[in-house]
Amino acid sequence: MNKQFLLDIIKKGESEVVEFKTAFDQATIETLAAFANTKGGTVVVGVTNAGKIHGIQIGKETVQQWLNQIKANTFPLLMPDAATITIDRKTIVILSIDEFPVKPVSCRGKYLKRIQNANHQLSIHEISDFHLRSYQTSWDFYTDQQHGLEDISLEKVNQFIALSNRVRPYPIQDDPLAVLKKYELTKGGAITNGCYLLFASGDVLLSTIEAGRFSQDTIVQDSTTIRSDLFAEVDAALAFIRKHLNRSYIITGDKQRTERWDYPLEALREIVVNMIVHRDYMDASDSLIKVFNDRIEFFNPGRLLEGLSIEQLVSGNYISAIRNKQIATVFKEAGIIEKYGSGIKRILEAMRAYGSPDPLFEEIQNGFRVTVFKTTQKTTQNGSEKSSEKNSEKSSEKVLALINKNRLISAAEIAVKIGLTSRAVEKILAKLKANGKIKRIGPDKGGYWVRLEAASGKRVKG
């Protein structure tokens, strides 16, 4: 936007697509949200309602701070274009936003639309109608306003073609640009949001995954930040997880030994792929992977889609709904996912076949979390039994020691002191009771523990 163009806008005055502000404030963000819900528009900061150039004082980081405020206060997050122009030694900032493809956009829970030169709140019926019209397609199919063909790697497109040809009955023989067009990853020379995420040549802030190895809930031993194209993120996330897993070998008498990890790797891979395919990339939050001693937690921005419950998800009694249709289609073509809606079933089957507990599925805040728990397994090597339950035994010893010190201690207090989940502690307590090592007298609240001698049946003094 040049100086003359801005002067023409100011001369025409406020309208359905233009608003003047003397300063940046919450009302500015509301107007951008209203524009995004209507036809798009421009907020000119530093001009009075009457069209008089007032100017505004800004520092080096001021505009970036405004953009961060806009992202933090809107959902789906808005990322307007920003430009600074000086007229008669007075600084003016222009914030422009296009009509958003997925509507309605909210500003701190408020839904607005632009009518003439004013913002009006949407009715419940209008909000519902916006959703119905918006979700006939998905966000990843829309044109990326921030990036172009120069921001993607055609070599990565060729790698996708090679992956796809391994599973296709008839190989793709088109060049990369033709393939992008065929899968609607480009439109009129512009790339889609999905295209950028899938084949970006550099770092992708929008798809950040933060991964960490925790010895306790607040103590991080190792961490990494993953910001790459979605294909590479699958490998990077799994590599970090494997780095922090234990691996044992089972000798069965065959020439080749059997390798066993703490968790079934096929289940972990399925979880990671599901995270990447079903993530809400319009949410500003990062995906998280936390590896603990006894569990791994996977958090993803984006709750379950409307009409789908966790119970339906686990039972398999639902019709698949896909948040990112374009990303899912490309992953399926590459053979990374088998078919839509079968990921949870494969995760459960893999965990159960491994003898592991079922994962815990939870909706928390604006996201979805999957927690998998480590299982213990006995292996036989050179004819002698060697147990891989050392961690479990150590945890049991810690629990018994705490009970010796305080017979009134609760399971929740035990969990905090030894750095395990409440669920894991409940399992240890149940096992200790089943083995005759402890006994509970009275209810959970108001009762107490009695330490028993498993071998002789005598109580232990303590």
Protein backbone atom coordinates (compact mmCIF):
# COMPACT_ATOMS: atom_id res chain seq x y z
CA MET A 1 0.00 0.00 0.00
CA ASN A 2 1.49 3.35 -1.08
CA LYS A 3 0.89 6.83 0.28
CA GLN A 4 -1.57 7.93 -2.43
CA PHE A 5 -3.65 4.77 -2.09
CA LEU A 6 -3.90 5.34 1.67
CA LEU A 7 -4.93 8.97 1.16
CA ASP A 8 -7.69 7.80 -1.20
CA ILE A 9 -8.95 5.38 1.46
CA ILE A 10 -8.96 8.09 4.11
CA LYS A 11 -10.80 10.48 1.77
CA LYS A 12 -13.61 7.98 1.17
CA GLY A 13 -14.13 7.54 4.91
CA GLU A 14 -15.20 4.55 6.99
CA SER A 15 -17.22 1.85 5.29
CA GLU A 16 -18.04 -1.85 5.34
CA VAL A 17 -14.35 -2.60 4.69
CA VAL A 18 -12.55 0.37 6.32
CA GLU A 19 -12.35 1.66 9.89
CA PHE A 20 -10.26 4.44 11.43
CA LYS A 21 -8.69 4.24 14.91
CA THR A 22 -6.68 6.85 16.78
CA ALA A 23 -4.97 4.06 18.78
CA PHE A 24 -4.65 0.29 18.83
CA ASP A 25 -7.00 -1.31 21.39
CA GLN A 26 -9.38 -4.22 21.97
CA ALA A 27 -11.94 -2.59 19.67
CA THR A 28 -9.37 -2.75 16.86
CA ILE A 29 -9.12 -6.52 17.27
CA GLU A 30 -12.92 -6.83 17.34
CA THR A 31 -13.15 -4.93 14.06
CA LEU A 32 -10.57 -7.22 12.42
CA ALA A 33 -12.64 -10.22 13.57
CA ALA A 34 -15.79 -8.59 12.14
CA PHE A 35 -14.01 -7.99 8.83
CA ALA A 36 -12.82 -11.62 8.77
CA ASN A 37 -16.41 -12.79 9.23
CA THR A 38 -17.69 -10.59 6.38
CA LYS A 39 -15.71 -9.46 3.33
CA GLY A 40 -12.36 -8.64 4.86
CA GLY A 41 -11.20 -5.09 5.48
CA THR A 42 -8.62 -2.60 6.69
CA VAL A 43 -8.13 -0.85 10.01
CA VAL A 44 -6.14 2.39 9.73
CA VAL A 45 -4.53 3.21 13.08
CA GLY A 46 -3.59 6.85 13.55
CA VAL A 47 -6.63 8.47 11.91
CA THR A 48 -9.69 9.96 13.64
CA ASN A 49 -13.28 8.93 12.85
CA ALA A 50 -13.62 12.11 10.84
CA GLY A 51 -10.66 11.13 8.64
CA LYS A 52 -8.08 13.48 10.14
CA ILE A 53 -4.51 12.16 10.18
CA HIS A 54 -3.54 12.06 13.84
CA GLY A 55 -0.51 9.78 13.76
CA ILE A 56 0.70 7.34 16.38
CA GLN A 57 3.91 6.77 18.32
CA ILE A 58 5.37 3.27 17.83
CA GLY A 59 8.60 1.52 18.77
CA LYS A 60 10.65 -1.09 16.98
CA GLU A 61 8.58 -4.02 18.34
CA THR A 62 5.18 -2.27 18.64
CA VAL A 63 3.55 -3.67 15.50
CA GLN A 64 4.77 -7.21 16.25
CA GLN A 65 3.31 -6.91 19.75
CA TRP A 66 -0.01 -5.87 18.22
CA LEU A 67 0.04 -8.88 15.92
CA ASN A 68 0.72 -11.16 18.88
CA GLN A 69 -2.24 -9.62 20.74
CA ILE A 70 -4.48 -10.16 17.71
CA LYS A 71 -3.47 -13.84 17.51
CA ALA A 72 -3.94 -14.34 21.26
CA ASN A 73 -7.42 -12.78 21.30
CA THR A 74 -8.98 -14.40 18.21
CA PHE A 75 -10.05 -17.92 17.38
CA PRO A 76 -9.33 -19.22 14.84
CA LEU A 77 -6.26 -17.02 15.15
CA LEU A 78 -6.03 -14.08 12.77
CA MET A 79 -2.76 -13.01 11.15
CA PRO A 80 -3.41 -9.67 9.42
CA ASP A 81 -1.00 -7.97 7.06
CA ALA A 82 0.63 -4.91 8.63
CA ALA A 83 2.18 -1.88 6.93
CA THR A 84 3.56 1.40 8.23
CA ILE A 85 3.33 4.65 6.23
CA THR A 86 4.49 8.16 7.15
CA ILE A 87 2.44 11.15 5.97
CA ASP A 88 3.54 14.69 6.93
CA ARG A 89 5.90 13.17 9.53
CA LYS A 90 3.00 11.32 11.13
CA THR A 91 3.13 7.53 11.39
CA ILE A 92 0.10 5.48 10.38
CA VAL A 93 -0.23 1.69 10.73
CA ILE A 94 -2.50 -0.23 8.34
CA LEU A 95 -3.84 -3.64 9.44
CA SER A 96 -5.54 -5.63 6.67
CA ILE A 97 -7.34 -8.97 6.86
CA ASP A 98 -9.01 -11.07 4.16
CA GLU A 99 -12.33 -12.80 4.61
CA PHE A 100 -11.48 -15.87 6.69
CA PRO A 101 -12.24 -19.25 5.05
CA VAL A 102 -13.45 -20.93 8.25
CA LYS A 103 -16.06 -18.88 10.07
CA PRO A 104 -17.11 -17.49 12.43
CA VAL A 105 -13.98 -15.98 13.97
CA SER A 106 -14.42 -14.97 17.61
CA CYS A 107 -12.72 -12.23 19.60
CA ARG A 108 -12.54 -13.30 23.25
CA GLY A 109 -15.75 -15.28 22.83
CA LYS A 110 -17.57 -12.51 20.93
CA TYR A 111 -18.77 -13.11 17.34
CA LEU A 112 -19.12 -10.02 15.17
CA LYS A 113 -19.86 -9.11 11.57
CA ARG A 114 -19.45 -5.87 9.63
CA ILE A 115 -22.56 -3.99 8.42
CA GLN A 116 -21.89 -0.68 6.65
CA ASN A 117 -19.44 1.15 8.97
CA ALA A 118 -20.25 -0.62 12.27
CA ASN A 119 -19.72 -3.98 13.97
CA HIS A 120 -22.75 -6.08 14.93
CA GLN A 121 -22.92 -9.21 17.07
CA LEU A 122 -23.92 -12.43 15.33
CA SER A 123 -27.06 -14.22 16.46
CA ILE A 124 -26.95 -17.89 17.46
CA HIS A 125 -28.62 -18.77 14.15
CA GLU A 126 -25.99 -16.83 12.20
CA ILE A 127 -23.15 -18.51 14.10
CA SER A 128 -24.61 -21.92 13.28
CA ASP A 129 -25.08 -20.96 9.63
CA PHE A 130 -21.47 -19.75 9.37
CA HIS A 131 -20.24 -23.11 10.65
CA LEU A 132 -22.39 -25.12 8.27
CA ARG A 133 -21.23 -23.13 5.24
CA SER A 134 -17.59 -23.08 6.30
CA TYR A 135 -17.12 -26.77 6.99
CA GLN A 136 -18.26 -27.99 3.60
CA THR A 137 -14.52 -28.09 3.05
CA SER A 138 -11.57 -27.77 5.40
CA TRP A 139 -9.03 -25.10 6.27
CA ASP A 140 -6.13 -26.83 4.54
CA PHE A 141 -7.86 -26.52 1.13
CA TYR A 142 -7.83 -22.72 1.28
CA THR A 143 -5.16 -20.56 -0.31
CA ASP A 144 -2.21 -19.69 1.92
CA GLN A 145 -2.08 -15.90 2.08
CA GLN A 146 1.42 -15.81 3.57
CA HIS A 147 3.41 -18.22 1.37
CA GLY A 148 3.91 -19.17 -2.27
CA LEU A 149 5.55 -21.76 -4.48
CA GLU A 150 8.95 -20.34 -3.57
CA ASP A 151 8.35 -21.48 0.03
CA ILE A 152 7.91 -25.17 -0.77
CA SER A 153 10.36 -27.85 -1.90
CA LEU A 154 9.61 -29.61 -5.19
CA GLU A 155 12.10 -32.28 -4.13
CA LYS A 156 9.80 -33.07 -1.22
CA VAL A 157 6.93 -33.35 -3.69
CA ASN A 158 9.03 -35.86 -5.63
CA GLN A 159 9.57 -37.82 -2.40
CA PHE A 160 5.79 -37.91 -1.92
CA ILE A 161 5.38 -39.21 -5.48
CA ALA A 162 7.92 -41.98 -4.75
CA LEU A 163 6.08 -42.97 -1.56
CA SER A 164 2.77 -42.98 -3.37
CA ASN A 165 4.09 -45.11 -6.24
CA ARG A 166 5.09 -47.82 -3.75
CA VAL A 167 1.43 -48.42 -2.85
CA ARG A 168 -0.40 -47.42 -6.04
CA PRO A 169 -1.36 -50.01 -8.66
CA TYR A 170 -0.49 -47.45 -11.37
CA PRO A 171 2.47 -45.12 -10.75
CA ILE A 172 2.27 -41.36 -10.92
CA GLN A 173 4.29 -40.13 -13.90
CA ASP A 174 3.47 -36.41 -13.76
CA ASP A 175 5.95 -33.71 -12.78
CA PRO A 176 5.73 -32.18 -9.27
CA LEU A 177 3.78 -29.07 -10.30
CA ALA A 178 1.21 -31.17 -12.15
CA VAL A 179 0.84 -33.40 -9.09
CA LEU A 180 0.24 -30.39 -6.85
CA LYS A 181 -2.48 -29.19 -9.19
CA LYS A 182 -4.05 -32.64 -9.43
CA TYR A 183 -4.42 -32.89 -5.65
CA GLU A 184 -5.70 -29.27 -5.48
CA LEU A 185 -2.58 -28.26 -3.55
CA THR A 186 -2.24 -25.27 -5.86
CA LYS A 187 -4.96 -22.99 -7.15
CA GLY A 188 -4.30 -20.41 -9.83
CA GLY A 189 -0.58 -20.41 -9.09
CA ALA A 190 -1.09 -20.04 -5.33
CA ILE A 191 -0.47 -22.82 -2.82
CA THR A 192 -2.96 -24.04 -0.23
CA ASN A 193 -2.45 -24.10 3.52
CA GLY A 194 -2.13 -27.87 3.29
CA CYS A 195 0.49 -27.65 0.55
CA TYR A 196 2.68 -25.40 2.68
CA LEU A 197 2.46 -27.65 5.74
CA LEU A 198 3.17 -30.78 3.71
CA PHE A 199 6.07 -29.55 1.57
CA ALA A 200 7.55 -26.44 3.26
CA SER A 201 11.21 -25.93 2.44
CA GLY A 202 12.03 -24.32 5.79
CA ASP A 203 10.82 -24.22 9.39
CA VAL A 204 7.05 -24.17 9.91
CA LEU A 205 6.01 -22.34 13.08
CA LEU A 206 2.38 -23.30 12.56
CA SER A 207 3.12 -27.01 13.00
CA THR A 208 5.46 -26.81 16.01
CA ILE A 209 5.73 -29.92 18.20
CA GLU A 210 7.46 -29.54 21.57
CA ALA A 211 8.84 -32.85 22.87
CA GLY A 212 10.44 -33.49 26.25
CA ARG A 213 11.78 -36.27 28.48
CA PHE A 214 10.65 -35.78 32.09
CA SER A 215 12.04 -37.55 35.15
CA GLN A 216 9.20 -35.96 37.13
CA ASP A 217 6.28 -33.75 36.15
CA THR A 218 8.36 -30.56 36.37
CA ILE A 219 11.92 -31.83 35.75
CA VAL A 220 13.00 -31.93 32.09
CA GLN A 221 16.00 -34.08 31.20
CA ASP A 222 15.95 -33.54 27.45
CA SER A 223 13.82 -31.62 24.95
CA THR A 224 13.52 -30.75 21.30
CA THR A 225 11.41 -28.44 19.14
CA ILE A 226 10.18 -29.89 15.85
CA ARG A 227 9.27 -27.39 13.13
CA SER A 228 9.33 -28.99 9.71
CA ASP A 229 7.07 -30.30 6.98
CA LEU A 230 4.47 -32.80 8.19
CA PHE A 231 6.16 -35.84 6.64
CA ALA A 232 9.44 -35.07 8.41
CA GLU A 233 7.63 -34.39 11.68
CA VAL A 234 6.43 -37.98 11.87
CA ASP A 235 10.00 -39.30 11.71
CA ALA A 236 11.43 -36.62 14.02
CA ALA A 237 8.81 -37.17 16.73
CA LEU A 238 9.23 -40.95 16.67
CA ALA A 239 13.03 -40.63 16.73
CA PHE A 240 12.86 -38.50 19.90
CA ILE A 241 10.51 -40.96 21.59
CA ARG A 242 12.66 -44.00 20.69
CA LYS A 243 15.70 -42.19 22.03
CA HIS A 244 14.16 -42.26 25.50
CA LEU A 245 12.66 -45.76 25.55
CA ASN A 246 14.19 -48.88 27.03
CA ARG A 247 14.73 -51.87 24.78
CA SER A 248 15.21 -55.49 25.76
CA TYR A 249 15.78 -58.69 23.82
CA ILE A 250 14.03 -62.03 24.14
CA ILE A 251 16.08 -65.13 23.30
CA THR A 252 13.73 -67.89 22.18
CA GLY A 253 16.20 -70.39 20.73
CA ASP A 254 15.80 -69.08 17.20
CA LYS A 255 18.77 -67.65 15.36
CA GLN A 256 17.41 -64.13 15.61
CA ARG A 257 16.55 -62.52 18.94
CA THR A 258 13.24 -60.70 19.43
CA GLU A 259 13.39 -57.00 20.23
CA ARG A 260 10.96 -55.55 22.76
CA TRP A 261 10.46 -51.86 23.56
CA ASP A 262 8.65 -50.31 26.52
CA TYR A 263 5.69 -49.67 24.22
CA PRO A 264 4.57 -51.12 20.87
CA LEU A 265 6.19 -48.84 18.30
CA GLU A 266 3.34 -49.31 15.82
CA ALA A 267 0.90 -47.84 18.35
CA LEU A 268 3.18 -44.84 19.03
CA ARG A 269 3.56 -44.24 15.31
CA GLU A 270 -0.21 -44.33 14.85
CA ILE A 271 -0.68 -41.80 17.64
CA VAL A 272 1.91 -39.43 16.15
CA VAL A 273 0.36 -39.69 12.67
CA ASN A 274 -3.10 -39.03 14.12
CA MET A 275 -1.74 -35.99 15.96
CA ILE A 276 -0.37 -34.49 12.76
CA VAL A 277 -3.36 -35.29 10.54
CA HIS A 278 -6.09 -34.22 12.99
CA ARG A 279 -4.42 -31.22 14.62
CA ASP A 280 -6.27 -27.90 14.58
CA TYR A 281 -3.69 -25.75 12.79
CA MET A 282 -5.83 -22.64 13.30
CA ASP A 283 -5.09 -22.85 17.03
CA ALA A 284 -1.98 -20.99 18.20
CA SER A 285 -1.03 -23.74 20.70
CA ASP A 286 1.76 -26.24 20.02
CA SER A 287 1.46 -30.01 20.01
CA LEU A 288 3.22 -31.61 22.99
CA ILE A 289 4.90 -34.97 23.57
CA LYS A 290 5.98 -35.74 27.15
CA VAL A 291 7.94 -38.92 27.87
CA PHE A 292 7.82 -39.91 31.57
CA ASN A 293 9.22 -42.94 33.39
CA ASP A 294 5.89 -44.77 33.32
CA ARG A 295 3.91 -43.11 30.51
CA ILE A 296 3.92 -40.92 27.41
CA GLU A 297 1.49 -38.04 26.98
CA PHE A 298 0.52 -36.69 23.55
CA PHE A 299 -1.37 -33.38 23.48
CA ASN A 300 -2.83 -31.85 20.35
CA PRO A 301 -4.64 -28.54 19.78
CA GLY A 302 -8.22 -29.20 18.70
CA ARG A 303 -10.99 -31.03 20.54
CA LEU A 304 -13.03 -33.79 18.94
CA LEU A 305 -15.25 -32.60 16.12
CA GLU A 306 -18.87 -31.80 16.91
CA GLY A 307 -21.02 -34.88 17.51
CA LEU A 308 -18.13 -37.22 18.34
CA SER A 309 -17.54 -38.42 21.91
CA ILE A 310 -14.62 -40.27 23.48
CA GLU A 311 -16.91 -43.24 24.14
CA GLN A 312 -17.76 -43.45 20.43
CA LEU A 313 -14.11 -43.05 19.53
CA VAL A 314 -12.99 -45.96 21.74
CA SER A 315 -15.89 -48.25 20.76
CA GLY A 316 -15.43 -47.54 17.05
CA ASN A 317 -19.13 -46.69 16.78
CA TYR A 318 -18.84 -43.53 14.71
CA ILE A 319 -18.53 -42.24 11.16
CA SER A 320 -15.15 -40.74 10.45
CA ALA A 321 -14.98 -36.94 10.33
CA ILE A 322 -11.74 -35.34 9.17
CA ARG A 323 -10.58 -31.90 10.24
CA ASN A 324 -7.87 -31.60 7.55
CA LYS A 325 -9.16 -33.37 4.46
CA GLN A 326 -6.32 -32.39 2.16
CA ILE A 327 -3.57 -33.42 4.57
CA ALA A 328 -5.35 -36.71 5.30
CA THR A 329 -5.75 -37.42 1.58
CA VAL A 330 -2.05 -36.86 0.85
CA PHE A 331 -0.99 -39.01 3.82
CA LYS A 332 -3.31 -41.77 2.63
CA GLU A 333 -1.94 -41.55 -0.92
CA ALA A 334 1.59 -41.89 0.51
CA GLY A 335 0.58 -45.02 2.45
CA ILE A 336 1.14 -43.36 5.84
CA ILE A 337 -2.47 -43.90 6.90
CA GLU A 338 -4.43 -46.91 5.72
CA LYS A 339 -7.98 -45.62 5.76
CA TYR A 340 -9.93 -42.84 7.39
CA GLY A 341 -11.22 -43.38 10.92
CA SER A 342 -9.31 -46.59 11.74
CA GLY A 343 -6.38 -45.09 13.68
CA ILE A 344 -7.84 -45.44 17.19
CA LYS A 345 -8.81 -49.05 16.51
CA ARG A 346 -5.26 -49.90 15.43
CA ILE A 347 -3.81 -48.16 18.49
CA LEU A 348 -6.02 -50.16 20.85
CA GLU A 349 -5.30 -53.44 19.04
CA ALA A 350 -1.53 -52.87 19.13
CA MET A 351 -1.52 -51.96 22.85
CA ARG A 352 -3.67 -54.94 23.82
CA ALA A 353 -1.62 -57.37 21.74
CA TYR A 354 1.49 -56.09 23.54
CA GLY A 355 -0.09 -56.69 26.93
CA SER A 356 -0.22 -52.96 27.63
CA PRO A 357 -3.07 -51.10 29.38
CA ASP A 358 -5.53 -49.26 27.16
CA PRO A 359 -4.52 -45.64 26.49
CA LEU A 360 -6.34 -42.82 28.27
CA PHE A 361 -8.18 -40.45 25.91
CA GLU A 362 -9.11 -37.01 27.27
CA GLU A 363 -10.44 -33.68 26.05
CA ILE A 364 -8.69 -30.92 28.00
CA GLN A 365 -8.92 -27.17 27.47
CA ASN A 366 -9.02 -26.64 23.70
CA GLY A 367 -7.25 -29.87 22.85
CA PHE A 368 -7.11 -33.65 22.99
CA ARG A 369 -4.67 -35.78 24.99
CA VAL A 370 -3.70 -39.43 24.64
CA THR A 371 -1.71 -41.11 27.44
CA VAL A 372 -0.10 -44.51 26.98
CA PHE A 373 1.21 -46.46 29.97
CA LYS A 374 4.26 -48.64 30.20
CA THR A 375 3.73 -52.34 30.80
CA THR A 376 6.14 -54.77 32.47
CA GLN A 377 6.99 -58.05 30.82
CA LYS A 378 9.04 -61.07 31.82
CA THR A 379 11.51 -62.42 29.31
CA THR A 380 13.50 -65.62 29.15
CA GLN A 381 17.15 -65.52 28.22
CA ASN A 382 19.55 -68.53 28.08
CA GLY A 383 17.00 -70.67 29.95
CA SER A 384 16.89 -68.43 33.02
CA GLU A 385 14.06 -66.02 33.79
CA LYS A 386 15.05 -62.39 33.86
CA SER A 387 12.49 -59.84 34.91
CA SER A 388 12.07 -56.44 33.28
CA GLU A 389 9.84 -55.37 36.16
CA LYS A 390 12.60 -53.64 38.11
CA ASN A 391 11.01 -50.24 37.77
CA SER A 392 7.71 -51.60 39.06
CA GLU A 393 9.42 -53.31 41.99
CA LYS A 394 11.26 -50.12 42.93
CA SER A 395 8.01 -48.17 42.83
CA SER A 396 6.36 -50.77 45.05
CA GLU A 397 9.21 -50.48 47.56
CA LYS A 398 8.80 -46.71 47.61
CA VAL A 399 5.06 -47.05 48.24
CA LEU A 400 5.64 -49.48 51.12
CA ALA A 401 8.24 -47.15 52.64
CA LEU A 402 5.80 -44.25 52.56
CA ILE A 403 3.07 -46.35 54.16
CA ASN A 404 5.51 -47.37 56.92
CA LYS A 405 6.14 -43.70 57.66
CA ASN A 406 2.52 -42.58 57.46
CA ARG A 407 -0.37 -45.05 57.66
CA LEU A 408 -2.85 -42.25 56.83
CA ILE A 409 -1.20 -41.29 53.53
CA SER A 410 -3.52 -41.12 50.52
CA ALA A 411 -2.92 -42.50 47.02
CA ALA A 412 -2.82 -38.92 45.68
CA GLU A 413 -0.10 -37.97 48.18
CA ILE A 414 1.90 -41.08 47.27
CA ALA A 415 1.66 -40.16 43.58
CA VAL A 416 3.07 -36.69 44.23
CA LYS A 417 5.94 -37.95 46.40
CA ILE A 418 7.20 -40.64 44.01
CA GLY A 419 6.41 -38.83 40.73
CA LEU A 420 3.84 -41.24 39.28
CA THR A 421 0.28 -40.76 38.09
CA SER A 422 -2.59 -41.48 40.47
CA ARG A 423 -3.66 -44.27 38.14
CA ALA A 424 -0.23 -45.91 38.31
CA VAL A 425 -0.21 -45.68 42.13
CA GLU A 426 -3.67 -47.25 42.32
CA LYS A 427 -2.36 -50.19 40.28
CA ILE A 428 0.62 -50.62 42.61
CA LEU A 429 -1.62 -50.49 45.70
CA ALA A 430 -3.99 -53.04 44.18
CA LYS A 431 -1.09 -55.37 43.43
CA LEU A 432 0.33 -54.99 46.94
CA LYS A 433 -3.08 -55.79 48.44
CA ALA A 434 -3.50 -58.80 46.14
CA ASN A 435 -0.07 -60.09 47.21
CA GLY A 436 -0.98 -59.74 50.88
CA LYS A 437 1.57 -57.03 51.63
CA ILE A 438 -0.84 -54.28 52.70
CA LYS A 439 -4.42 -53.97 53.84
CA ARG A 440 -6.78 -51.02 53.88
CA ILE A 441 -8.82 -50.44 57.03
CA GLY A 442 -11.80 -48.14 56.60
CA PRO A 443 -12.83 -45.95 53.64
CA ASP A 444 -10.56 -44.03 51.27
CA LYS A 445 -11.18 -40.92 53.34
CA GLY A 446 -10.65 -41.44 57.06
CA GLY A 447 -9.17 -44.94 56.76
CA TYR A 448 -5.57 -46.11 57.13
CA TRP A 449 -3.09 -48.67 55.82
CA VAL A 450 -1.81 -51.77 57.61
CA ARG A 451 1.49 -53.28 56.43
CA LEU A 452 1.44 -57.09 56.36
CA GLU A 453 4.17 -59.73 56.11
CA ALA A 454 3.29 -61.67 52.97
CA ALA A 455 5.13 -64.85 53.84
CA SER A 456 4.02 -65.38 57.45
CA GLY A 457 0.83 -63.34 57.55
CA LYS A 458 2.23 -61.29 60.47
CA ARG A 459 1.76 -57.58 60.67
CA VAL A 460 4.83 -55.43 60.29
CA LYS A 461 5.47 -52.99 63.10
CA GLY A 462 5.81 -49.45 61.93
